[in-house]
Amino acid sequence: MEHIVATPLYPSEREDRLVWKKESNGEYSVRSAYRLCMNELLDTSHFKVEGAWDLIWRLKVPPRVRTLIWRICRNCLPTRTRLRDKGVNCATVCALCNVDEEDSLHLLFRCPGSRNIWSMWNVFSVVSHIFDQYQNIKDIIFETIKVLSNGDESLFGCIIWSIWKQRNNKIWKEVTDAQGFVFDRAKTLLQDWTSAKMIQKKICQQ
C-alpha cells in the first residue's frame, strides 16, 4: 500500500473537455442531434410509408415535379376532398369535370378530361391498364414508372404536374387550359429543363 501511495502522479497531457460522440470531431451539431432523435430516441415508424421512393427521386425532371409527385404519394396534395377532410369549408366536386369528387386519383387519372390528355401520349396504351387496375394512386405512380423508359417516365411526371397546374389555373385564375395545351406544356417543360441541364453541364466542363 505504501508503494501505491508513493507513486507520483503525472499531469494529464490534455485538459478534460466535453465530447459529442455523434460527430467525429467531437463537436455538437444540430444535424447529428436531429439524426440521434429520429433514429434512436423517438419512435418515427408512423411517419414511414412503404414504397419505392427512389423511383421518384431519380426521375430526370425539374425538382418541382419530383416534389409534387412525392406529395401526391404521401397524400399531401390539397385537393378539394383533402381540404374538406382537414376542416376547410369548400366544395368537393372536381374543378375540371364538375361531376365527381376531387381527390388525387380522380383528378389526375380518372377525370374524363385528364384521360383525354393521357390519351395524347404515345405510350398511353402501355400504361392505361395500370391507371384502371389500382385504386391507390401511389401504386399507380410507382407501377407506371417501373414499366417506362427514362424519357417516358420523365414525361409521365411532367404530365402529372401540368394537369395539376391546369386544375389550379381553373380555380385560382378562372382560366381553362385546353387539353392539348396541357399536354404540350408538359413536353415543353421537360424539353426546356433538359436543355438547360445540358448547357449547365457543358459550362462546368469548360
Foldseek 3Di string as FASTA:
>chain_A
DVVVVPDDDDDDPDDDDQADVQDPVRDDDPVSVVVCCVPPPDDCVVVDDDDPLVLLVPAPAPPVLSVVLVCLLVQNDPQPVSVVVVVDPDDQAQLQQRPDGDDLLCQCQNPPLNVVLLVVDPCSVVLVVLSVVDPRVRSSLRVVSVPDDRVVNNLVSLLSVLSVVQSCCCPPVVDHDHSVNSSVRSVVNRVVSVVVVVVVVVVVVD
